[in-house]
N, C-alpha and C. Protein backbone atom coordinates (compact mmCIF):
# COMPACT_ATOMS: atom_id res chain seq x y z
N MET A 1 291.28 116.49 249.75
CA MET A 1 290.51 116.25 248.56
C MET A 1 289.20 115.57 248.97
N SER A 2 288.07 116.09 248.51
CA SER A 2 286.78 115.51 248.86
C SER A 2 286.51 114.27 248.02
N ARG A 3 285.51 113.49 248.42
CA ARG A 3 285.15 112.29 247.67
C ARG A 3 284.71 112.65 246.26
N VAL A 4 284.04 113.80 246.10
CA VAL A 4 283.57 114.23 244.80
C VAL A 4 284.74 114.52 243.87
N ASP A 5 285.81 115.11 244.38
CA ASP A 5 286.96 115.46 243.57
C ASP A 5 287.69 114.24 243.03
N ARG A 6 287.42 113.07 243.58
CA ARG A 6 288.14 111.88 243.16
C ARG A 6 287.50 111.18 241.97
N ALA A 7 286.38 111.67 241.46
CA ALA A 7 285.75 111.05 240.29
C ALA A 7 286.68 111.24 239.09
N PRO A 8 287.07 110.14 238.44
CA PRO A 8 287.98 110.24 237.29
C PRO A 8 287.35 111.03 236.15
N LEU A 9 288.18 111.82 235.48
CA LEU A 9 287.70 112.68 234.40
C LEU A 9 287.00 111.87 233.31
N HIS A 10 287.55 110.73 232.92
CA HIS A 10 286.92 109.95 231.85
C HIS A 10 285.52 109.47 232.27
N LEU A 11 285.33 109.20 233.54
CA LEU A 11 284.03 108.77 234.03
C LEU A 11 283.03 109.93 233.99
N LEU A 12 283.50 111.11 234.34
CA LEU A 12 282.65 112.30 234.27
C LEU A 12 282.23 112.57 232.83
N GLN A 13 283.17 112.44 231.91
CA GLN A 13 282.87 112.68 230.50
C GLN A 13 281.87 111.67 229.96
N ARG A 14 282.07 110.40 230.30
CA ARG A 14 281.15 109.34 229.85
C ARG A 14 279.76 109.56 230.43
N ALA A 15 279.70 109.96 231.69
CA ALA A 15 278.42 110.20 232.35
C ALA A 15 277.68 111.35 231.68
N LEU A 16 278.35 112.43 231.45
CA LEU A 16 277.72 113.59 230.83
C LEU A 16 277.23 113.25 229.43
N GLN A 17 278.01 112.49 228.68
CA GLN A 17 277.60 112.08 227.34
C GLN A 17 276.36 111.19 227.40
N ALA A 18 276.33 110.25 228.33
CA ALA A 18 275.17 109.36 228.48
C ALA A 18 273.91 110.16 228.82
N ILE A 19 274.06 111.16 229.67
CA ILE A 19 272.91 111.99 230.05
C ILE A 19 272.45 112.84 228.87
N LYS A 20 273.39 113.41 228.14
CA LYS A 20 273.04 114.23 226.97
C LYS A 20 272.32 113.40 225.91
N GLU A 21 272.73 112.14 225.75
CA GLU A 21 272.14 111.26 224.75
C GLU A 21 270.84 110.63 225.22
N GLY A 22 270.48 110.84 226.49
CA GLY A 22 269.24 110.29 227.01
C GLY A 22 269.33 108.83 227.43
N ARG A 23 270.55 108.29 227.51
CA ARG A 23 270.71 106.90 227.92
C ARG A 23 270.63 106.74 229.44
N ALA A 24 270.76 107.83 230.17
CA ALA A 24 270.68 107.81 231.63
C ALA A 24 270.02 109.09 232.10
N ARG A 25 269.02 108.94 232.94
CA ARG A 25 268.33 110.10 233.51
C ARG A 25 268.33 110.07 235.03
N THR A 26 268.63 108.91 235.61
CA THR A 26 268.65 108.78 237.07
C THR A 26 270.00 108.23 237.50
N ASP A 27 270.28 108.31 238.79
CA ASP A 27 271.55 107.76 239.27
C ASP A 27 271.62 106.25 239.08
N VAL A 28 270.48 105.56 239.18
CA VAL A 28 270.45 104.12 238.97
C VAL A 28 270.77 103.78 237.51
N GLU A 29 270.16 104.51 236.59
CA GLU A 29 270.46 104.29 235.16
C GLU A 29 271.91 104.62 234.86
N LEU A 30 272.41 105.68 235.45
CA LEU A 30 273.80 106.08 235.21
C LEU A 30 274.77 105.00 235.71
N ALA A 31 274.49 104.44 236.86
CA ALA A 31 275.34 103.36 237.38
C ALA A 31 275.36 102.19 236.40
N ARG A 32 274.21 101.84 235.86
CA ARG A 32 274.11 100.73 234.91
C ARG A 32 274.89 101.03 233.63
N VAL A 33 274.70 102.23 233.08
CA VAL A 33 275.37 102.61 231.83
C VAL A 33 276.89 102.66 232.00
N LEU A 34 277.33 103.18 233.13
CA LEU A 34 278.78 103.33 233.37
C LEU A 34 279.41 102.04 233.88
N GLY A 35 278.61 101.11 234.34
CA GLY A 35 279.14 99.87 234.89
C GLY A 35 279.82 100.06 236.24
N VAL A 36 279.24 100.96 237.05
CA VAL A 36 279.78 101.24 238.38
C VAL A 36 278.68 101.04 239.41
N GLY A 37 279.05 101.09 240.67
CA GLY A 37 278.08 100.99 241.74
C GLY A 37 277.27 102.26 241.89
N LEU A 38 276.16 102.16 242.60
CA LEU A 38 275.27 103.30 242.80
C LEU A 38 275.97 104.45 243.53
N GLU A 39 276.78 104.13 244.53
CA GLU A 39 277.48 105.18 245.28
C GLU A 39 278.44 105.96 244.37
N GLU A 40 279.16 105.25 243.51
CA GLU A 40 280.08 105.94 242.59
C GLU A 40 279.30 106.79 241.58
N ALA A 41 278.16 106.28 241.11
CA ALA A 41 277.33 107.07 240.20
C ALA A 41 276.84 108.34 240.88
N ARG A 42 276.49 108.24 242.15
CA ARG A 42 276.04 109.43 242.90
C ARG A 42 277.18 110.43 243.09
N LEU A 43 278.39 109.95 243.25
CA LEU A 43 279.54 110.85 243.33
C LEU A 43 279.76 111.58 242.00
N VAL A 44 279.59 110.86 240.92
CA VAL A 44 279.72 111.47 239.58
C VAL A 44 278.65 112.54 239.40
N VAL A 45 277.42 112.24 239.78
CA VAL A 45 276.33 113.22 239.68
C VAL A 45 276.66 114.45 240.52
N ALA A 46 277.15 114.24 241.73
CA ALA A 46 277.49 115.37 242.61
C ALA A 46 278.60 116.22 242.00
N ALA A 47 279.58 115.58 241.40
CA ALA A 47 280.69 116.33 240.78
C ALA A 47 280.18 117.14 239.59
N LEU A 48 279.34 116.54 238.77
CA LEU A 48 278.80 117.25 237.59
C LEU A 48 277.86 118.38 238.00
N ARG A 49 277.06 118.15 239.03
CA ARG A 49 276.18 119.22 239.53
C ARG A 49 277.02 120.35 240.12
N GLY A 50 278.06 120.00 240.87
CA GLY A 50 278.91 121.01 241.49
C GLY A 50 279.64 121.87 240.49
N SER A 51 279.92 121.31 239.33
CA SER A 51 280.63 122.08 238.29
C SER A 51 279.67 122.83 237.37
N GLY A 52 278.37 122.68 237.61
CA GLY A 52 277.38 123.39 236.81
C GLY A 52 277.04 122.71 235.50
N LEU A 53 277.49 121.48 235.29
CA LEU A 53 277.25 120.78 234.04
C LEU A 53 275.97 119.95 234.05
N LEU A 54 275.38 119.80 235.22
CA LEU A 54 274.21 118.95 235.36
C LEU A 54 273.19 119.64 236.24
N ARG A 55 271.91 119.49 235.90
CA ARG A 55 270.83 120.03 236.71
C ARG A 55 269.97 118.88 237.21
N GLU A 56 269.45 119.04 238.40
CA GLU A 56 268.50 118.09 238.96
C GLU A 56 267.10 118.63 238.72
N VAL A 57 266.25 117.80 238.18
CA VAL A 57 264.85 118.16 237.98
C VAL A 57 264.02 117.06 238.61
N TYR A 58 262.78 117.34 238.88
CA TYR A 58 261.90 116.33 239.46
C TYR A 58 260.85 115.93 238.45
N ALA A 59 260.59 114.64 238.41
CA ALA A 59 259.52 114.14 237.55
C ALA A 59 258.19 114.56 238.15
N SER A 60 257.31 114.93 237.32
CA SER A 60 255.98 115.27 237.79
C SER A 60 254.98 114.84 236.73
N CYS A 61 253.76 114.92 237.08
CA CYS A 61 252.71 114.46 236.18
C CYS A 61 251.66 115.56 236.07
N ALA A 62 251.29 115.88 234.85
CA ALA A 62 250.30 116.93 234.63
C ALA A 62 248.87 116.41 234.75
N SER A 63 248.72 115.11 234.74
CA SER A 63 247.38 114.51 234.77
C SER A 63 246.89 114.34 236.21
N PRO A 64 245.64 114.67 236.48
CA PRO A 64 245.09 114.39 237.81
C PRO A 64 245.07 112.88 238.05
N CYS A 65 245.45 112.45 239.23
CA CYS A 65 245.56 111.03 239.53
C CYS A 65 244.26 110.26 239.28
N GLU A 66 243.14 110.86 239.61
CA GLU A 66 241.87 110.15 239.47
C GLU A 66 241.58 109.77 238.02
N ALA A 67 242.04 110.57 237.07
CA ALA A 67 241.76 110.31 235.65
C ALA A 67 242.87 109.53 234.96
N CYS A 68 243.93 109.23 235.66
CA CYS A 68 245.10 108.60 235.05
C CYS A 68 244.95 107.08 234.97
N PRO A 69 245.19 106.50 233.80
CA PRO A 69 245.08 105.04 233.68
C PRO A 69 246.22 104.29 234.38
N PHE A 70 247.26 104.99 234.80
CA PHE A 70 248.41 104.37 235.45
C PHE A 70 248.44 104.59 236.96
N LYS A 71 247.35 105.10 237.52
CA LYS A 71 247.36 105.47 238.93
C LYS A 71 247.66 104.31 239.86
N SER A 72 247.30 103.09 239.49
CA SER A 72 247.55 101.96 240.39
C SER A 72 249.02 101.55 240.43
N SER A 73 249.80 101.94 239.43
CA SER A 73 251.21 101.55 239.40
C SER A 73 252.16 102.75 239.40
N CYS A 74 251.66 103.92 239.64
CA CYS A 74 252.46 105.14 239.56
C CYS A 74 253.44 105.27 240.73
N VAL A 75 254.70 105.56 240.41
CA VAL A 75 255.69 105.79 241.46
C VAL A 75 255.78 107.27 241.83
N LEU A 76 255.23 108.14 241.01
CA LEU A 76 255.33 109.57 241.26
C LEU A 76 254.45 110.02 242.41
N ARG A 77 253.40 109.28 242.69
CA ARG A 77 252.49 109.65 243.78
C ARG A 77 253.17 109.52 245.14
N GLU A 78 254.01 108.52 245.29
CA GLU A 78 254.61 108.23 246.59
C GLU A 78 255.96 108.89 246.81
N GLN A 79 256.63 109.22 245.75
CA GLN A 79 257.96 109.83 245.90
C GLN A 79 258.22 110.77 244.74
N ARG A 80 259.09 111.69 244.97
CA ARG A 80 259.50 112.59 243.90
C ARG A 80 260.74 112.00 243.26
N LEU A 81 260.63 111.55 242.03
CA LEU A 81 261.72 110.92 241.32
C LEU A 81 262.69 111.98 240.82
N ARG A 82 263.96 111.85 241.19
CA ARG A 82 264.97 112.81 240.75
C ARG A 82 265.51 112.39 239.40
N LEU A 83 265.51 113.33 238.48
CA LEU A 83 266.08 113.12 237.15
C LEU A 83 267.19 114.13 236.94
N TYR A 84 268.12 113.80 236.06
CA TYR A 84 269.23 114.69 235.79
C TYR A 84 269.29 114.99 234.30
N VAL A 85 269.55 116.25 233.98
CA VAL A 85 269.70 116.69 232.60
C VAL A 85 270.95 117.55 232.50
N ALA A 86 271.55 117.57 231.32
CA ALA A 86 272.72 118.42 231.10
C ALA A 86 272.28 119.88 231.21
N ALA A 87 273.06 120.67 231.89
CA ALA A 87 272.75 122.09 232.07
C ALA A 87 273.02 122.85 230.78
N GLU A 88 272.26 123.90 230.57
CA GLU A 88 272.53 124.79 229.45
C GLU A 88 273.89 125.42 229.66
N ARG A 89 274.57 125.73 228.61
CA ARG A 89 275.88 126.37 228.73
C ARG A 89 275.73 127.67 229.52
N GLY A 90 276.50 127.79 230.59
CA GLY A 90 276.43 128.98 231.43
C GLY A 90 275.27 128.95 232.40
N GLY A 91 274.52 127.84 232.43
CA GLY A 91 273.39 127.73 233.34
C GLY A 91 273.83 127.37 234.72
N SER A 92 272.88 127.37 235.64
CA SER A 92 273.20 127.04 237.02
C SER A 92 272.96 125.55 237.25
N ALA A 93 273.47 125.06 238.35
CA ALA A 93 273.30 123.65 238.70
C ALA A 93 272.18 123.46 239.69
N GLY A 94 271.27 124.39 239.76
CA GLY A 94 270.21 124.34 240.75
C GLY A 94 269.12 123.35 240.44
N ARG A 95 268.10 123.37 241.24
CA ARG A 95 266.97 122.46 241.08
C ARG A 95 265.83 123.15 240.36
N GLU A 96 265.04 122.34 239.69
CA GLU A 96 263.78 122.80 239.12
C GLU A 96 262.73 121.81 239.54
N GLY A 97 261.53 122.15 239.39
CA GLY A 97 260.51 121.15 239.67
C GLY A 97 259.29 121.72 240.04
């Protein structure tokens, strides 16, 4: 049995509900909402992605950095922030971005 398979069903259900409701979009937020550690939240994300219930998307910005009033504090410039959304019914668990 893999580490992903050990995620309890109730935790998977709570995680998916939190993501659908917009209470969690990242693994850090999910850990906080579920009251678990970051590693366990990442296992839950992996299990949901593996079952096709969750998609990974990347945050991006449509505004050119030079014209953006938030350029001095922007985290998107230095890293690609991973966000998670519930997959459409019958959709794939792939990446977008």
